[in-house]
N, C-alpha and C. Protein backbone atom coordinates (compact mmCIF):
# COMPACT_ATOMS: atom_id res chain seq x y z
N UNK A 1 0.78 -1.13 0.04
CA UNK A 1 -0.02 0.01 -0.03
C UNK A 1 0.85 1.28 0.03
N UNK A 2 2.05 1.20 0.73
CA UNK A 2 2.87 2.42 0.75
C UNK A 2 3.40 2.74 -0.59
N UNK A 3 3.74 1.69 -1.40
CA UNK A 3 4.27 1.85 -2.79
C UNK A 3 3.28 2.70 -3.61
N UNK A 4 1.98 2.54 -3.28
CA UNK A 4 0.95 3.34 -4.08
C UNK A 4 0.78 4.69 -3.54
N UNK A 5 0.90 4.89 -2.27
CA UNK A 5 0.55 6.02 -1.63
C UNK A 5 1.68 7.13 -1.62
N UNK A 6 3.01 6.65 -1.64
CA UNK A 6 4.07 7.61 -1.36
C UNK A 6 4.08 8.81 -2.40
N UNK A 7 3.79 8.69 -3.72
CA UNK A 7 3.80 9.86 -4.53
C UNK A 7 2.61 10.84 -4.16
N UNK A 8 1.57 10.35 -3.79
CA UNK A 8 0.56 11.33 -3.29
C UNK A 8 0.85 11.97 -1.99
N UNK A 9 1.49 11.23 -1.13
CA UNK A 9 1.86 11.84 0.13
C UNK A 9 2.96 12.85 -0.05
N UNK A 10 3.87 12.54 -0.94
CA UNK A 10 4.98 13.57 -1.29
C UNK A 10 4.39 14.88 -1.91
N UNK A 11 3.39 14.67 -2.85
CA UNK A 11 2.89 15.82 -3.50
C UNK A 11 2.13 16.70 -2.47
N UNK A 12 1.37 16.07 -1.62
CA UNK A 12 0.71 16.84 -0.56
C UNK A 12 1.59 17.70 0.42
N UNK A 13 2.74 16.94 0.71
CA UNK A 13 3.74 17.58 1.59
C UNK A 13 4.37 18.72 0.83
N UNK A 14 4.61 18.57 -0.43
CA UNK A 14 5.14 19.67 -1.33
C UNK A 14 4.19 20.78 -1.41
N UNK A 15 2.84 20.48 -1.52
CA UNK A 15 1.86 21.55 -1.50
C UNK A 15 1.84 22.32 -0.27
N UNK A 16 1.95 21.63 0.92
CA UNK A 16 1.91 22.34 2.08
C UNK A 16 3.17 23.10 2.39
N UNK A 17 4.32 22.62 1.97
CA UNK A 17 5.58 23.22 2.16
C UNK A 17 5.60 24.67 1.24
N UNK A 18 4.94 24.60 0.08
CA UNK A 18 4.92 25.79 -0.72
C UNK A 18 4.33 26.94 0.18
N UNK A 19 3.18 26.71 0.77
CA UNK A 19 2.59 27.65 1.64
C UNK A 19 3.40 28.11 2.76
N UNK A 20 4.26 27.07 3.51
CA UNK A 20 4.98 27.46 4.58
C UNK A 20 6.13 28.28 4.09
N UNK A 21 6.81 27.89 3.02
CA UNK A 21 7.94 28.66 2.47
C UNK A 21 7.55 30.04 2.02
N UNK A 22 6.39 30.15 1.41
CA UNK A 22 5.88 31.61 1.04
C UNK A 22 5.71 32.45 2.33
N UNK A 23 5.09 31.85 3.37
CA UNK A 23 4.94 32.70 4.61
C UNK A 23 6.24 32.97 5.23
N UNK A 24 7.23 32.04 5.20
CA UNK A 24 8.53 32.34 5.74
C UNK A 24 9.23 33.35 4.97
N UNK A 25 9.15 33.44 3.64
CA UNK A 25 9.83 34.37 2.79
C UNK A 25 9.22 35.73 3.04
N UNK A 26 7.87 36.01 3.18
CA UNK A 26 7.44 37.30 3.38
C UNK A 26 7.27 37.62 4.89
N UNK A 27 7.56 36.77 5.74
CA UNK A 27 7.54 36.95 7.17
C UNK A 27 8.30 38.19 7.63
N UNK A 28 9.45 38.34 7.04
CA UNK A 28 10.35 39.50 7.39
C UNK A 28 10.03 40.80 6.77
N UNK A 29 9.01 40.71 5.65
CA UNK A 29 8.76 41.99 4.95
C UNK A 29 7.78 42.78 5.70
N UNK A 30 6.63 42.21 6.14
CA UNK A 30 5.70 43.02 7.03
C UNK A 30 4.49 42.07 7.20
N UNK A 31 3.65 42.47 8.19
CA UNK A 31 2.56 41.72 8.50
C UNK A 31 1.47 41.81 7.42
N UNK A 32 1.48 42.90 6.62
CA UNK A 32 0.57 43.02 5.45
C UNK A 32 0.87 42.04 4.42
N UNK A 33 2.25 41.77 4.26
CA UNK A 33 2.60 40.86 3.26
C UNK A 33 2.18 39.43 3.65
N UNK A 34 2.30 39.03 4.99
CA UNK A 34 1.83 37.82 5.37
C UNK A 34 0.32 37.71 5.16
N UNK A 35 -0.41 38.71 5.39
CA UNK A 35 -1.85 38.63 5.14
C UNK A 35 -2.17 38.52 3.68
N UNK A 36 -1.39 39.21 2.75
CA UNK A 36 -1.59 39.26 1.37
C UNK A 36 -1.33 37.78 0.78
N UNK A 37 -0.27 37.10 1.30
CA UNK A 37 0.09 35.70 0.91
C UNK A 37 -1.05 34.84 1.44
N UNK A 38 -1.55 35.11 2.56
CA UNK A 38 -2.66 34.17 3.23
C UNK A 38 -3.83 34.29 2.31
N UNK A 39 -4.19 35.49 2.05
CA UNK A 39 -5.52 35.73 1.23
C UNK A 39 -5.41 35.15 -0.18
N UNK A 40 -4.26 35.47 -0.85
CA UNK A 40 -4.00 35.03 -2.16
C UNK A 40 -3.92 33.54 -2.14
N UNK A 41 -3.30 32.90 -1.17
CA UNK A 41 -3.10 31.52 -1.19
C UNK A 41 -4.37 30.78 -1.05
N UNK A 42 -5.20 31.32 -0.11
CA UNK A 42 -6.54 30.67 0.11
C UNK A 42 -7.44 30.64 -1.09
N UNK A 43 -7.53 31.83 -1.79
CA UNK A 43 -8.23 31.90 -3.00
C UNK A 43 -7.82 31.02 -4.11
N UNK A 44 -6.46 30.94 -4.24
CA UNK A 44 -5.87 30.08 -5.20
C UNK A 44 -6.17 28.57 -4.93
N UNK A 45 -6.02 28.27 -3.65
CA UNK A 45 -6.10 26.90 -3.29
C UNK A 45 -7.63 26.50 -3.45
N UNK A 46 -8.52 27.29 -3.15
CA UNK A 46 -9.94 26.96 -3.35
C UNK A 46 -10.23 26.63 -4.86
N UNK A 47 -9.82 27.45 -5.72
CA UNK A 47 -10.11 27.25 -7.09
C UNK A 47 -9.27 26.04 -7.59
N UNK A 48 -8.09 25.90 -7.18
CA UNK A 48 -7.20 24.85 -7.68
C UNK A 48 -7.69 23.48 -7.29
N UNK A 49 -8.13 23.48 -5.96
CA UNK A 49 -8.71 22.18 -5.49
C UNK A 49 -10.04 21.77 -6.24
N UNK A 50 -10.79 22.74 -6.63
CA UNK A 50 -11.90 22.47 -7.44
C UNK A 50 -11.57 21.85 -8.75
N UNK A 51 -10.60 22.39 -9.45
CA UNK A 51 -10.11 21.91 -10.71
C UNK A 51 -9.40 20.48 -10.48
N UNK A 52 -8.56 20.30 -9.43
CA UNK A 52 -7.99 19.01 -9.19
C UNK A 52 -8.99 17.98 -8.88
N UNK A 53 -10.10 18.40 -8.20
CA UNK A 53 -11.16 17.39 -7.90
C UNK A 53 -11.88 16.91 -9.19
N UNK A 54 -12.09 17.83 -10.08
CA UNK A 54 -12.67 17.35 -11.34
C UNK A 54 -11.77 16.39 -12.07
N UNK A 55 -10.43 16.68 -12.09
CA UNK A 55 -9.58 15.80 -12.77
C UNK A 55 -9.32 14.56 -12.06
N UNK A 56 -9.51 14.48 -10.78
CA UNK A 56 -9.29 13.26 -9.98
C UNK A 56 -10.05 12.03 -10.52
N UNK A 57 -11.25 12.32 -11.10
CA UNK A 57 -12.08 11.27 -11.63
C UNK A 57 -11.35 10.46 -12.69
N UNK A 58 -10.28 10.96 -13.23
CA UNK A 58 -9.55 10.21 -14.30
C UNK A 58 -8.82 9.09 -13.68
N UNK A 59 -8.34 9.20 -12.38
CA UNK A 59 -7.42 8.28 -11.75
C UNK A 59 -8.07 6.87 -11.79
N UNK A 60 -9.35 6.64 -11.58
CA UNK A 60 -9.91 5.40 -11.54
C UNK A 60 -9.97 4.82 -12.99
N UNK A 61 -10.27 5.62 -14.00
CA UNK A 61 -10.32 5.18 -15.28
C UNK A 61 -8.93 4.80 -15.87
N UNK A 62 -7.90 5.54 -15.46
CA UNK A 62 -6.66 5.25 -15.99
C UNK A 62 -6.16 3.96 -15.33
N UNK A 63 -6.27 3.82 -14.02
CA UNK A 63 -5.86 2.59 -13.27
C UNK A 63 -6.58 1.42 -13.77
N UNK A 64 -7.85 1.43 -14.03
CA UNK A 64 -8.57 0.34 -14.58
C UNK A 64 -8.06 -0.15 -15.95
N UNK A 65 -7.77 0.85 -16.74
CA UNK A 65 -7.26 0.57 -18.16
C UNK A 65 -5.77 -0.01 -18.03
N UNK A 66 -4.98 0.58 -17.25
CA UNK A 66 -3.64 0.09 -16.96
C UNK A 66 -3.68 -1.36 -16.31
N UNK A 67 -4.55 -1.58 -15.43
CA UNK A 67 -4.64 -2.88 -14.76
C UNK A 67 -5.07 -3.99 -15.81
N UNK A 68 -5.85 -3.60 -16.77
CA UNK A 68 -6.36 -4.48 -17.80
C UNK A 68 -5.42 -4.58 -19.02
N UNK A 69 -4.25 -3.96 -18.81
CA UNK A 69 -3.11 -3.92 -19.78
C UNK A 69 -3.61 -3.26 -21.13
N UNK A 70 -4.44 -2.32 -21.13
CA UNK A 70 -4.84 -1.61 -22.36
C UNK A 70 -4.22 -0.18 -22.34
N UNK A 71 -3.00 -0.23 -22.75
CA UNK A 71 -2.27 0.99 -22.77
C UNK A 71 -2.75 2.02 -23.77
N UNK A 72 -3.44 1.59 -24.78
CA UNK A 72 -3.93 2.48 -25.79
C UNK A 72 -5.07 3.34 -25.12
N UNK A 73 -5.82 2.58 -24.26
CA UNK A 73 -6.89 3.34 -23.38
C UNK A 73 -6.36 4.25 -22.41
N UNK A 74 -5.14 3.85 -21.84
CA UNK A 74 -4.46 4.82 -20.92
C UNK A 74 -4.05 6.16 -21.66
N UNK A 75 -3.49 5.91 -22.78
CA UNK A 75 -3.10 7.16 -23.63
C UNK A 75 -4.34 8.01 -24.03
N UNK A 76 -5.45 7.32 -24.22
CA UNK A 76 -6.60 8.06 -24.61
C UNK A 76 -7.13 8.91 -23.42
N UNK A 77 -7.12 8.28 -22.17
CA UNK A 77 -7.47 9.02 -21.00
C UNK A 77 -6.49 10.13 -20.70
N UNK A 78 -5.26 9.94 -21.03
CA UNK A 78 -4.30 11.01 -20.83
C UNK A 78 -4.66 12.15 -21.65
N UNK A 79 -4.93 11.89 -22.95
CA UNK A 79 -5.44 12.99 -23.85
C UNK A 79 -6.60 13.62 -23.37
N UNK A 80 -7.56 12.87 -22.94
CA UNK A 80 -8.83 13.56 -22.35
C UNK A 80 -8.50 14.41 -21.22
N UNK A 81 -7.63 13.95 -20.28
CA UNK A 81 -7.22 14.67 -19.15
C UNK A 81 -6.57 15.97 -19.61
N UNK A 82 -5.74 15.92 -20.56
CA UNK A 82 -5.10 17.20 -21.01
C UNK A 82 -6.09 18.12 -21.57
N UNK A 83 -7.09 17.67 -22.44
CA UNK A 83 -8.14 18.40 -22.94
C UNK A 83 -8.96 19.04 -21.83
N UNK A 84 -9.35 18.22 -20.87
CA UNK A 84 -10.13 18.69 -19.73
C UNK A 84 -9.38 19.81 -19.01
N UNK A 85 -8.12 19.62 -18.76
CA UNK A 85 -7.33 20.55 -18.04
C UNK A 85 -7.31 21.90 -18.77
N UNK A 86 -7.11 21.82 -20.16
CA UNK A 86 -7.13 23.02 -20.94
C UNK A 86 -8.44 23.71 -20.97
N UNK A 87 -9.54 22.95 -20.99
CA UNK A 87 -10.89 23.50 -20.86
C UNK A 87 -11.18 24.13 -19.61
N UNK A 88 -10.50 23.56 -18.47
CA UNK A 88 -10.76 24.23 -17.20
C UNK A 88 -9.96 25.49 -16.95
N UNK A 89 -8.82 25.61 -17.58
CA UNK A 89 -7.99 26.82 -17.36
C UNK A 89 -8.68 28.01 -17.54
N UNK A 90 -9.40 28.29 -18.59
CA UNK A 90 -10.08 29.59 -18.88
C UNK A 90 -11.03 29.88 -17.71
N UNK A 91 -12.08 29.03 -17.43
CA UNK A 91 -13.02 29.46 -16.38
C UNK A 91 -12.32 29.64 -15.02
N UNK A 92 -11.35 28.68 -14.68
CA UNK A 92 -10.72 28.80 -13.29
C UNK A 92 -9.96 30.05 -13.21
N UNK A 93 -9.05 30.40 -14.35
CA UNK A 93 -8.32 31.57 -14.28
C UNK A 93 -9.20 32.88 -14.30
N UNK A 94 -10.31 32.86 -15.04
CA UNK A 94 -11.21 33.91 -15.03
C UNK A 94 -11.89 34.12 -13.54
N UNK A 95 -12.21 33.02 -12.93
CA UNK A 95 -12.67 33.10 -11.61
C UNK A 95 -11.63 33.75 -10.67
N UNK A 96 -10.50 33.31 -10.78
CA UNK A 96 -9.47 33.94 -9.88
C UNK A 96 -9.28 35.46 -10.20
N UNK A 97 -9.22 35.78 -11.50
CA UNK A 97 -9.14 37.21 -11.84
C UNK A 97 -10.36 38.08 -11.42
N UNK A 98 -11.46 37.37 -11.27
CA UNK A 98 -12.65 38.14 -10.77
C UNK A 98 -12.61 38.42 -9.36
N UNK A 99 -11.81 37.59 -8.68
CA UNK A 99 -11.64 37.83 -7.16
C UNK A 99 -10.88 39.14 -6.83
N UNK A 100 -10.01 39.62 -7.87
CA UNK A 100 -9.23 40.79 -7.58
C UNK A 100 -9.98 41.98 -7.31
N UNK A 101 -10.97 42.46 -8.19
CA UNK A 101 -11.68 43.58 -7.96
C UNK A 101 -12.67 43.41 -6.77
N UNK A 102 -12.95 42.27 -6.28
CA UNK A 102 -13.84 42.01 -5.08
C UNK A 102 -13.13 42.17 -3.81
N UNK A 103 -11.79 42.10 -3.74
CA UNK A 103 -11.13 41.99 -2.55
C UNK A 103 -11.38 43.26 -1.73
N UNK A 104 -11.30 44.51 -2.26
CA UNK A 104 -11.62 45.57 -1.37
C UNK A 104 -12.97 45.59 -0.70
N UNK A 105 -13.98 44.97 -1.35
CA UNK A 105 -15.37 45.00 -0.93
C UNK A 105 -15.48 43.86 0.19
N UNK A 106 -14.52 43.10 0.49
CA UNK A 106 -14.56 42.04 1.56
C UNK A 106 -14.14 42.59 2.73
N UNK A 107 -13.92 43.94 2.92
CA UNK A 107 -13.43 44.51 4.30
C UNK A 107 -12.11 44.04 4.70
N UNK A 108 -11.31 43.80 3.68
CA UNK A 108 -9.83 43.46 3.96
C UNK A 108 -9.08 44.74 4.02
N UNK A 109 -8.23 44.91 4.86
CA UNK A 109 -7.34 46.10 5.04
C UNK A 109 -6.71 46.38 3.64
N UNK A 110 -6.79 47.69 3.24
CA UNK A 110 -6.27 48.01 1.95
C UNK A 110 -4.83 47.68 1.71
N UNK A 111 -3.98 47.71 2.76
CA UNK A 111 -2.61 47.30 2.68
C UNK A 111 -2.39 45.88 2.34
N UNK A 112 -3.23 45.04 2.93
CA UNK A 112 -3.20 43.61 2.71
C UNK A 112 -3.64 43.27 1.28
N UNK A 113 -4.73 44.06 0.77
CA UNK A 113 -5.15 43.88 -0.54
C UNK A 113 -4.05 44.22 -1.48
N UNK A 114 -3.36 45.26 -1.26
CA UNK A 114 -2.19 45.68 -2.13
C UNK A 114 -1.15 44.58 -2.22
N UNK A 115 -1.01 43.83 -1.18
CA UNK A 115 0.06 42.80 -1.17
C UNK A 115 -0.63 41.48 -1.79
N UNK A 116 -1.96 41.38 -1.69
CA UNK A 116 -2.61 40.07 -2.11
C UNK A 116 -2.73 39.95 -3.64
N UNK A 117 -2.84 41.17 -4.24
CA UNK A 117 -3.14 41.22 -5.79
C UNK A 117 -2.02 40.70 -6.52
N UNK A 118 -0.75 41.23 -6.26
CA UNK A 118 0.31 40.68 -7.01
C UNK A 118 0.69 39.24 -6.89
N UNK A 119 0.45 38.87 -5.58
CA UNK A 119 0.70 37.44 -5.21
C UNK A 119 -0.34 36.47 -5.95
N UNK A 120 -1.54 36.95 -5.95
CA UNK A 120 -2.46 36.16 -6.55
C UNK A 120 -2.34 36.12 -8.08
N UNK A 121 -1.90 37.15 -8.72
CA UNK A 121 -1.51 37.16 -10.15
C UNK A 121 -0.29 36.31 -10.47
N UNK A 122 0.66 36.25 -9.56
CA UNK A 122 1.87 35.43 -9.67
C UNK A 122 1.38 33.86 -9.61
N UNK A 123 0.49 33.61 -8.61
CA UNK A 123 -0.02 32.17 -8.55
C UNK A 123 -0.68 31.81 -9.70
N UNK A 124 -1.35 32.59 -10.59
CA UNK A 124 -2.08 32.25 -11.70
C UNK A 124 -1.17 31.48 -12.70
N UNK A 125 0.14 31.85 -12.72
CA UNK A 125 1.09 31.14 -13.65
C UNK A 125 1.31 29.69 -13.19
N UNK A 126 0.96 29.40 -11.94
CA UNK A 126 1.12 27.97 -11.53
C UNK A 126 -0.02 27.12 -11.77
N UNK A 127 -1.17 27.64 -12.13
CA UNK A 127 -2.36 26.83 -12.28
C UNK A 127 -2.28 25.85 -13.42
N UNK A 128 -1.72 26.19 -14.60
CA UNK A 128 -1.69 25.25 -15.70
C UNK A 128 -0.85 24.06 -15.38
N UNK A 129 0.41 24.28 -14.85
CA UNK A 129 1.15 23.02 -14.44
C UNK A 129 0.66 22.19 -13.40
N UNK A 130 0.03 22.94 -12.51
CA UNK A 130 -0.63 22.19 -11.33
C UNK A 130 -1.75 21.27 -11.85
N UNK A 131 -2.63 21.77 -12.70
CA UNK A 131 -3.63 20.94 -13.24
C UNK A 131 -3.18 19.76 -14.26
N UNK A 132 -2.13 20.20 -14.86
CA UNK A 132 -1.55 19.18 -15.78
C UNK A 132 -0.83 18.07 -14.97
C-alpha cells in the first residue's frame, strides 16, 4: 500500500511546504505581506482544489485501463485529461481574476489587498502546470 501512496503523500507535503515557504519568505517583509500571501493562497487553493477534484475522476479510469493492460486506453485517458485541463483553465483563471476587484469589498485592510493582488496574479502562472 505504501508503494502506491508515497507519490500522493509527497505531492501533498510539497503543496503544504509551498505555503510554509511563502509565509517564511514574506514574514520578514511585513504583517501586510503575510496577510496578502494568506488571502491570495486561500483563494488560489480553493479554485485549484476544485479543478484538481474534477480531474481526479480520471485516476480510476486510467488505473482500470492500466490494470487491464490496455495501454492505448491509458493514452486516450491522458489525452482526455489534458483536454479537460485546458478546458478548465479559462474558467478557473477567470474566476481567480474576478476575485481581484472584489477584494476591497470584503472589508480586507487596503494594505493587505495591495499585497494580495500581485501574489494572486503570480499564482495564476502555476495553475496550468498544477492541473496538468
